[in-house]
Amino acid sequence: MANSVPMLVDLAQTMAQDIAADPTGPADEHPLFRRPGLTMACLDRNLTVQQGNHEFFGRFGGDTAQPCGRPFTDLVHPSVQQPLLRKFAGLTEGKRDRFTSEVLAVGPDGRAFTASLSACAVRSGTPDVSAIWVMMASDSEPVDTDVMPSRKKMLSEIDARILEGIAAGVSTVPLAARLYLSRQGVEYHVTCLFRKLRVPNRAALVSRAYSMGVLKVGMWPPKVVEDFVK
């Protein structure tokens, strides 16, 4: 997949330049838009999917969930959403013209797959970004979805706070004092977390939580994504 990244960068940049040069022309009539094997989509400044090519709908459309009108970040795994949002922000804020990234994307069936993503800003003759062009080349083999499930409300409020404490390195006694629980109460919830995330110890619990996107990436102190809290 690494060899595909320079190609994606060049193609995405070409597409973005062509759309900027002729903003009145529909993007889906561009020759690159019909190129087989590449997943392509056009996003607005809010990262909402506006249009996609046949490959894009094949990957993300499914029978019931049409991706147009949805946030693009809904189509990637929670564990990569925040880093990807920061990179997109660099485009919309004018700090960069393009970026490339390895992402975990999620199809309509919930199965995750790895992909190389290239995104370019479209400016249409003005300094402000009017749209973002995205191209993806994916591996053919899906990632084990048991390791990367979709979001669901799997934690109670107290579970979330205990997980955040463990991820921050807080031991049982001060964690119990912070949450007004007994030591045995904390250990009970920790054991429940082990079962829910199917891990044997605290280190694995934190690692698993980050890999599933339960804990926000790049935030200190650690914070659980609210979508996972009941």
C-alpha atoms as a PDB file:
ATOM      1  CA  MET A   1       0.000   0.000   0.000  1.00  0.00           C
ATOM      2  CA  ALA A   2       2.906   2.386   0.657  1.00  0.00           C
ATOM      3  CA  ASN A   3       3.703   2.521  -3.058  1.00  0.00           C
ATOM      4  CA  SER A   4       0.214   3.839  -3.739  1.00  0.00           C
ATOM      5  CA  VAL A   5       0.646   6.948  -1.574  1.00  0.00           C
ATOM      6  CA  PRO A   6       2.646   9.102  -4.079  1.00  0.00           C
ATOM      7  CA  MET A   7       0.136   8.210  -6.792  1.00  0.00           C
ATOM      8  CA  LEU A   8      -2.772   9.197  -4.543  1.00  0.00           C
ATOM      9  CA  VAL A   9      -1.136  12.507  -3.680  1.00  0.00           C
ATOM     10  CA  ASP A  10      -0.569  13.373  -7.343  1.00  0.00           C
ATOM     11  CA  LEU A  11      -4.040  12.307  -8.453  1.00  0.00           C
ATOM     12  CA  ALA A  12      -5.805  14.095  -5.614  1.00  0.00           C
ATOM     13  CA  GLN A  13      -3.799  17.262  -6.255  1.00  0.00           C
ATOM     14  CA  THR A  14      -4.625  17.125  -9.977  1.00  0.00           C
ATOM     15  CA  MET A  15      -8.292  16.586  -9.247  1.00  0.00           C
ATOM     16  CA  ALA A  16      -8.393  19.456  -6.742  1.00  0.00           C
ATOM     17  CA  GLN A  17      -6.660  21.820  -9.177  1.00  0.00           C
ATOM     18  CA  ASP A  18      -9.019  20.910 -12.002  1.00  0.00           C
ATOM     19  CA  ILE A  19     -12.119  21.426  -9.835  1.00  0.00           C
ATOM     20  CA  ALA A  20     -10.750  24.762  -8.600  1.00  0.00           C
ATOM     21  CA  ALA A  21     -10.106  25.859 -12.193  1.00  0.00           C
ATOM     22  CA  ASP A  22     -13.670  24.987 -13.229  1.00  0.00           C
ATOM     23  CA  PRO A  23     -15.850  25.131 -10.095  1.00  0.00           C
ATOM     24  CA  THR A  24     -19.060  25.137 -12.171  1.00  0.00           C
ATOM     25  CA  GLY A  25     -18.333  21.771 -13.746  1.00  0.00           C
ATOM     26  CA  PRO A  26     -19.589  18.640 -11.941  1.00  0.00           C
ATOM     27  CA  ALA A  27     -16.748  16.739 -10.323  1.00  0.00           C
ATOM     28  CA  ASP A  28     -18.245  13.391 -11.295  1.00  0.00           C
ATOM     29  CA  GLU A  29     -17.573  14.130 -14.964  1.00  0.00           C
ATOM     30  CA  HIS A  30     -13.820  14.401 -14.394  1.00  0.00           C
ATOM     31  CA  PRO A  31     -11.916  11.477 -16.007  1.00  0.00           C
ATOM     32  CA  LEU A  32     -10.157  10.633 -12.741  1.00  0.00           C
ATOM     33  CA  PHE A  33     -13.523  10.299 -11.028  1.00  0.00           C
ATOM     34  CA  ARG A  34     -14.237   7.233 -13.155  1.00  0.00           C
ATOM     35  CA  ARG A  35     -10.844   5.637 -12.640  1.00  0.00           C
ATOM     36  CA  PRO A  36     -11.386   2.040 -11.407  1.00  0.00           C
ATOM     37  CA  GLY A  37      -9.806   0.857  -8.180  1.00  0.00           C
ATOM     38  CA  LEU A  38      -9.743   4.224  -6.443  1.00  0.00           C
ATOM     39  CA  THR A  39     -12.243   5.341  -3.822  1.00  0.00           C
ATOM     40  CA  MET A  40     -13.001   9.038  -4.268  1.00  0.00           C
ATOM     41  CA  ALA A  41     -15.250  11.535  -2.510  1.00  0.00           C
ATOM     42  CA  CYS A  42     -15.815  15.271  -2.385  1.00  0.00           C
ATOM     43  CA  LEU A  43     -16.430  16.847   1.051  1.00  0.00           C
ATOM     44  CA  ASP A  44     -17.612  20.297   2.026  1.00  0.00           C
ATOM     45  CA  ARG A  45     -15.792  22.454   4.592  1.00  0.00           C
ATOM     46  CA  ASN A  46     -17.659  20.685   7.389  1.00  0.00           C
ATOM     47  CA  LEU A  47     -16.339  17.323   6.126  1.00  0.00           C
ATOM     48  CA  THR A  48     -19.804  16.219   5.010  1.00  0.00           C
ATOM     49  CA  VAL A  49     -19.765  13.857   2.035  1.00  0.00           C
ATOM     50  CA  GLN A  50     -21.228  15.632  -1.007  1.00  0.00           C
ATOM     51  CA  GLN A  51     -20.550  13.096  -3.742  1.00  0.00           C
ATOM     52  CA  GLY A  52     -18.545   9.962  -4.414  1.00  0.00           C
ATOM     53  CA  ASN A  53     -17.604   7.697  -7.273  1.00  0.00           C
ATOM     54  CA  HIS A  54     -18.747   4.135  -7.915  1.00  0.00           C
ATOM     55  CA  GLU A  55     -15.906   2.676  -5.830  1.00  0.00           C
ATOM     56  CA  PHE A  56     -16.817   4.935  -2.927  1.00  0.00           C
ATOM     57  CA  PHE A  57     -20.450   3.829  -2.879  1.00  0.00           C
ATOM     58  CA  GLY A  58     -19.345   0.225  -3.256  1.00  0.00           C
ATOM     59  CA  ARG A  59     -17.195   0.567  -0.137  1.00  0.00           C
ATOM     60  CA  PHE A  60     -19.472   2.695   2.003  1.00  0.00           C
ATOM     61  CA  GLY A  61     -22.936   2.749   0.474  1.00  0.00           C
ATOM     62  CA  GLY A  62     -24.284  -0.675   1.277  1.00  0.00           C
ATOM     63  CA  ASP A  63     -27.985  -1.408   0.886  1.00  0.00           C
ATOM     64  CA  THR A  64     -29.352   1.024   3.462  1.00  0.00           C
ATOM     65  CA  ALA A  65     -26.681   3.515   4.601  1.00  0.00           C
ATOM     66  CA  GLN A  66     -25.966   6.034   1.842  1.00  0.00           C
ATOM     67  CA  PRO A  67     -22.869   8.033   2.775  1.00  0.00           C
ATOM     68  CA  CYS A  68     -23.830  11.312   1.060  1.00  0.00           C
ATOM     69  CA  GLY A  69     -24.834  13.844   3.686  1.00  0.00           C
ATOM     70  CA  ARG A  70     -22.908  12.020   6.412  1.00  0.00           C
ATOM     71  CA  PRO A  71     -19.736  13.268   8.130  1.00  0.00           C
ATOM     72  CA  PHE A  72     -16.726  11.620   6.524  1.00  0.00           C
ATOM     73  CA  THR A  73     -15.376  10.775   9.977  1.00  0.00           C
ATOM     74  CA  ASP A  74     -18.356   8.431  10.456  1.00  0.00           C
ATOM     75  CA  LEU A  75     -16.761   6.237   7.809  1.00  0.00           C
ATOM     76  CA  VAL A  76     -13.519   5.683   9.709  1.00  0.00           C
ATOM     77  CA  HIS A  77     -12.823   3.839  12.926  1.00  0.00           C
ATOM     78  CA  PRO A  78     -13.179   5.828  16.192  1.00  0.00           C
ATOM     79  CA  SER A  79      -9.501   5.238  17.020  1.00  0.00           C
ATOM     80  CA  VAL A  80      -8.409   7.400  14.056  1.00  0.00           C
ATOM     81  CA  GLN A  81     -11.167  10.018  14.036  1.00  0.00           C
ATOM     82  CA  GLN A  82      -9.468  12.638  16.199  1.00  0.00           C
ATOM     83  CA  PRO A  83      -6.039  12.545  14.496  1.00  0.00           C
ATOM     84  CA  LEU A  84      -7.814  12.681  11.135  1.00  0.00           C
ATOM     85  CA  LEU A  85      -9.921  15.666  12.239  1.00  0.00           C
ATOM     86  CA  ARG A  86      -6.753  17.536  13.184  1.00  0.00           C
ATOM     87  CA  LYS A  87      -5.300  16.931   9.734  1.00  0.00           C
ATOM     88  CA  PHE A  88      -8.503  18.044   8.031  1.00  0.00           C
ATOM     89  CA  ALA A  89      -8.465  21.164  10.197  1.00  0.00           C
ATOM     90  CA  GLY A  90      -5.059  21.991   8.735  1.00  0.00           C
ATOM     91  CA  LEU A  91      -6.688  22.024   5.291  1.00  0.00           C
ATOM     92  CA  THR A  92      -9.752  24.083   6.180  1.00  0.00           C
ATOM     93  CA  GLU A  93      -7.666  26.590   8.157  1.00  0.00           C
ATOM     94  CA  GLY A  94      -5.285  27.068   5.254  1.00  0.00           C
ATOM     95  CA  LYS A  95      -2.244  25.691   7.072  1.00  0.00           C
ATOM     96  CA  ARG A  96      -1.622  23.060   4.387  1.00  0.00           C
ATOM     97  CA  ASP A  97      -2.832  22.193   0.919  1.00  0.00           C
ATOM     98  CA  ARG A  98      -2.905  18.418   1.265  1.00  0.00           C
ATOM     99  CA  PHE A  99      -2.031  15.511   3.507  1.00  0.00           C
ATOM    100  CA  THR A 100      -1.716  11.747   3.396  1.00  0.00           C
ATOM    101  CA  SER A 101      -2.549   9.321   6.175  1.00  0.00           C
ATOM    102  CA  GLU A 102      -3.003   5.633   6.906  1.00  0.00           C
ATOM    103  CA  VAL A 103      -6.536   5.116   8.226  1.00  0.00           C
ATOM    104  CA  LEU A 104      -8.906   2.425   9.398  1.00  0.00           C
ATOM    105  CA  ALA A 105     -12.127   2.743   7.438  1.00  0.00           C
ATOM    106  CA  VAL A 106     -15.393   0.994   8.334  1.00  0.00           C
ATOM    107  CA  GLY A 107     -17.867  -0.294   5.760  1.00  0.00           C
ATOM    108  CA  PRO A 108     -21.650  -0.463   6.174  1.00  0.00           C
ATOM    109  CA  ASP A 109     -21.361  -4.025   7.498  1.00  0.00           C
ATOM    110  CA  GLY A 110     -19.116  -2.820  10.337  1.00  0.00           C
ATOM    111  CA  ARG A 111     -16.015  -4.506   8.941  1.00  0.00           C
ATOM    112  CA  ALA A 112     -12.849  -2.422   9.171  1.00  0.00           C
ATOM    113  CA  PHE A 113     -10.135  -2.223   6.526  1.00  0.00           C
ATOM    114  CA  THR A 114      -6.864  -0.316   6.283  1.00  0.00           C
ATOM    115  CA  ALA A 115      -6.445   2.331   3.602  1.00  0.00           C
ATOM    116  CA  SER A 116      -4.063   5.002   2.359  1.00  0.00           C
ATOM    117  CA  LEU A 117      -5.885   8.341   2.252  1.00  0.00           C
ATOM    118  CA  SER A 118      -4.869  11.504   0.420  1.00  0.00           C
ATOM    119  CA  ALA A 119      -6.846  14.727   0.877  1.00  0.00           C
ATOM    120  CA  CYS A 120      -6.458  18.056  -0.971  1.00  0.00           C
ATOM    121  CA  ALA A 121      -8.036  21.462  -0.471  1.00  0.00           C
ATOM    122  CA  VAL A 122     -10.121  23.007  -3.268  1.00  0.00           C
ATOM    123  CA  ARG A 123     -10.116  26.827  -3.278  1.00  0.00           C
ATOM    124  CA  SER A 124     -12.040  27.757  -6.455  1.00  0.00           C
ATOM    125  CA  GLY A 125     -10.171  30.994  -7.056  1.00  0.00           C
ATOM    126  CA  THR A 126     -10.457  32.349  -3.501  1.00  0.00           C
ATOM    127  CA  PRO A 127      -8.171  32.037  -0.458  1.00  0.00           C
ATOM    128  CA  ASP A 128     -10.857  30.122   1.440  1.00  0.00           C
ATOM    129  CA  VAL A 129     -11.249  26.376   1.073  1.00  0.00           C
ATOM    130  CA  SER A 130     -14.518  25.582  -0.675  1.00  0.00           C
ATOM    131  CA  ALA A 131     -14.258  21.789  -0.680  1.00  0.00           C
ATOM    132  CA  ILE A 132     -11.942  18.880   0.103  1.00  0.00           C
ATOM    133  CA  TRP A 133     -11.135  16.105  -2.320  1.00  0.00           C
ATOM    134  CA  VAL A 134     -10.393  12.688  -0.826  1.00  0.00           C
ATOM    135  CA  MET A 135      -8.930   9.598  -2.475  1.00  0.00           C
ATOM    136  CA  MET A 136      -8.353   6.229  -0.847  1.00  0.00           C
ATOM    137  CA  ALA A 137      -6.619   3.006  -1.857  1.00  0.00           C
ATOM    138  CA  SER A 138      -7.433   0.103   0.449  1.00  0.00           C
ATOM    139  CA  ASP A 139      -6.052  -3.316   1.277  1.00  0.00           C
ATOM    140  CA  SER A 140      -8.145  -6.184   0.023  1.00  0.00           C
ATOM    141  CA  GLU A 141      -8.120  -7.999   3.355  1.00  0.00           C
ATOM    142  CA  PRO A 142     -10.404  -6.684   6.139  1.00  0.00           C
ATOM    143  CA  VAL A 143      -9.141  -6.114   9.657  1.00  0.00           C
ATOM    144  CA  ASP A 144     -10.440  -8.344  12.444  1.00  0.00           C
ATOM    145  CA  THR A 145     -13.629  -6.556  13.451  1.00  0.00           C
ATOM    146  CA  ASP A 146     -13.625  -8.279  16.815  1.00  0.00           C
ATOM    147  CA  VAL A 147     -10.676  -6.058  17.687  1.00  0.00           C
ATOM    148  CA  MET A 148     -12.246  -2.985  16.099  1.00  0.00           C
ATOM    149  CA  PRO A 149     -15.981  -2.929  16.757  1.00  0.00           C
ATOM    150  CA  SER A 150     -18.283  -0.043  15.961  1.00  0.00           C
ATOM    151  CA  ARG A 151     -19.307   2.406  18.668  1.00  0.00           C
ATOM    152  CA  LYS A 152     -21.849   1.246  21.196  1.00  0.00           C
ATOM    153  CA  LYS A 153     -22.799   2.375  24.678  1.00  0.00           C
ATOM    154  CA  MET A 154     -20.867  -0.254  26.576  1.00  0.00           C
ATOM    155  CA  LEU A 155     -19.724   1.626  29.713  1.00  0.00           C
ATOM    156  CA  SER A 156     -21.561   2.988  32.695  1.00  0.00           C
ATOM    157  CA  GLU A 157     -20.597   6.448  33.947  1.00  0.00           C
ATOM    158  CA  ILE A 158     -18.553   4.970  36.790  1.00  0.00           C
ATOM    159  CA  ASP A 159     -16.858   2.496  34.419  1.00  0.00           C
ATOM    160  CA  ALA A 160     -15.803   5.413  32.231  1.00  0.00           C
ATOM    161  CA  ARG A 161     -14.320   7.366  35.128  1.00  0.00           C
ATOM    162  CA  ILE A 162     -12.435   4.294  36.392  1.00  0.00           C
ATOM    163  CA  LEU A 163     -11.068   3.587  32.913  1.00  0.00           C
ATOM    164  CA  GLU A 164      -9.879   7.192  32.655  1.00  0.00           C
ATOM    165  CA  GLY A 165      -8.192   6.877  36.040  1.00  0.00           C
ATOM    166  CA  ILE A 166      -6.437   3.644  35.122  1.00  0.00           C
ATOM    167  CA  ALA A 167      -5.257   5.163  31.824  1.00  0.00           C
ATOM    168  CA  ALA A 168      -3.851   8.111  33.804  1.00  0.00           C
ATOM    169  CA  GLY A 169      -1.920   5.746  36.074  1.00  0.00           C
ATOM    170  CA  VAL A 170      -4.031   6.314  39.198  1.00  0.00           C
ATOM    171  CA  SER A 171      -3.851   3.365  41.581  1.00  0.00           C
ATOM    172  CA  THR A 172      -6.833   1.775  43.328  1.00  0.00           C
ATOM    173  CA  VAL A 173      -6.816   3.634  46.670  1.00  0.00           C
ATOM    174  CA  PRO A 174      -6.652   7.224  45.329  1.00  0.00           C
ATOM    175  CA  LEU A 175      -9.088   6.255  42.574  1.00  0.00           C
ATOM    176  CA  ALA A 176     -11.522   4.979  45.194  1.00  0.00           C
ATOM    177  CA  ALA A 177     -11.187   8.215  47.166  1.00  0.00           C
ATOM    178  CA  ARG A 178     -11.722  10.307  44.034  1.00  0.00           C
ATOM    179  CA  LEU A 179     -14.898   8.431  43.089  1.00  0.00           C
ATOM    180  CA  TYR A 180     -16.241   7.954  46.634  1.00  0.00           C
ATOM    181  CA  LEU A 181     -16.032   4.179  46.351  1.00  0.00           C
ATOM    182  CA  SER A 182     -14.481   1.506  48.501  1.00  0.00           C
ATOM    183  CA  ARG A 183     -11.329  -0.216  47.338  1.00  0.00           C
ATOM    184  CA  GLN A 184     -13.383  -3.361  46.755  1.00  0.00           C
ATOM    185  CA  GLY A 185     -15.860  -1.336  44.721  1.00  0.00           C
ATOM    186  CA  VAL A 186     -13.131  -0.097  42.391  1.00  0.00           C
ATOM    187  CA  GLU A 187     -11.712  -3.594  41.996  1.00  0.00           C
ATOM    188  CA  TYR A 188     -15.189  -4.903  41.162  1.00  0.00           C
ATOM    189  CA  HIS A 189     -15.608  -2.350  38.364  1.00  0.00           C
ATOM    190  CA  VAL A 190     -12.093  -3.039  37.100  1.00  0.00           C
ATOM    191  CA  THR A 191     -12.908  -6.748  36.878  1.00  0.00           C
ATOM    192  CA  CYS A 192     -16.085  -5.878  34.949  1.00  0.00           C
ATOM    193  CA  LEU A 193     -14.032  -3.791  32.541  1.00  0.00           C
ATOM    194  CA  PHE A 194     -11.666  -6.720  32.013  1.00  0.00           C
ATOM    195  CA  ARG A 195     -14.648  -8.860  31.024  1.00  0.00           C
ATOM    196  CA  LYS A 196     -16.229  -6.243  28.774  1.00  0.00           C
ATOM    197  CA  LEU A 197     -13.042  -5.591  26.835  1.00  0.00           C
ATOM    198  CA  ARG A 198     -11.803  -9.180  27.178  1.00  0.00           C
ATOM    199  CA  VAL A 199      -8.365  -8.394  28.577  1.00  0.00           C
ATOM    200  CA  PRO A 200      -6.326  -9.949  31.420  1.00  0.00           C
ATOM    201  CA  ASN A 201      -4.838  -6.876  33.120  1.00  0.00           C
ATOM    202  CA  ARG A 202      -4.821  -3.094  33.400  1.00  0.00           C
ATOM    203  CA  ALA A 203      -2.101  -2.482  30.819  1.00  0.00           C
ATOM    204  CA  ALA A 204      -4.014  -4.515  28.245  1.00  0.00           C
ATOM    205  CA  LEU A 205      -7.227  -2.724  29.242  1.00  0.00           C
ATOM    206  CA  VAL A 206      -5.780   0.686  28.389  1.00  0.00           C
ATOM    207  CA  SER A 207      -4.221  -0.559  25.161  1.00  0.00           C
ATOM    208  CA  ARG A 208      -7.465  -2.198  24.085  1.00  0.00           C
ATOM    209  CA  ALA A 209      -9.490   0.915  24.935  1.00  0.00           C
ATOM    210  CA  TYR A 210      -7.270   3.077  22.742  1.00  0.00           C
ATOM    211  CA  SER A 211      -7.339   0.576  19.862  1.00  0.00           C
ATOM    212  CA  MET A 212     -11.152   0.502  19.991  1.00  0.00           C
ATOM    213  CA  GLY A 213     -11.404   4.285  20.097  1.00  0.00           C
ATOM    214  CA  VAL A 214     -12.992   4.227  23.569  1.00  0.00           C
ATOM    215  CA  LEU A 215     -10.298   6.600  24.867  1.00  0.00           C
ATOM    216  CA  LYS A 216      -9.656   9.827  22.981  1.00  0.00           C
ATOM    217  CA  VAL A 217      -6.296   9.972  21.232  1.00  0.00           C
ATOM    218  CA  GLY A 218      -3.926  12.833  22.036  1.00  0.00           C
ATOM    219  CA  MET A 219      -5.720  13.997  25.191  1.00  0.00           C
ATOM    220  CA  TRP A 220      -4.360  14.285  28.728  1.00  0.00           C
ATOM    221  CA  PRO A 221      -5.672  13.438  31.192  1.00  0.00           C
ATOM    222  CA  PRO A 222      -7.307  10.537  29.344  1.00  0.00           C
ATOM    223  CA  LYS A 223     -10.951  10.949  28.419  1.00  0.00           C
ATOM    224  CA  VAL A 224     -13.532   8.372  27.337  1.00  0.00           C
ATOM    225  CA  VAL A 225     -15.472   9.147  24.145  1.00  0.00           C
ATOM    226  CA  GLU A 226     -18.985   9.945  25.313  1.00  0.00           C
ATOM    227  CA  ASP A 227     -20.571   7.814  22.590  1.00  0.00           C
ATOM    228  CA  PHE A 228     -19.447   4.729  24.530  1.00  0.00           C
ATOM    229  CA  VAL A 229     -21.082   5.808  27.805  1.00  0.00           C
ATOM    230  CA  LYS A 230     -24.628   4.681  28.613  1.00  0.00           C
END
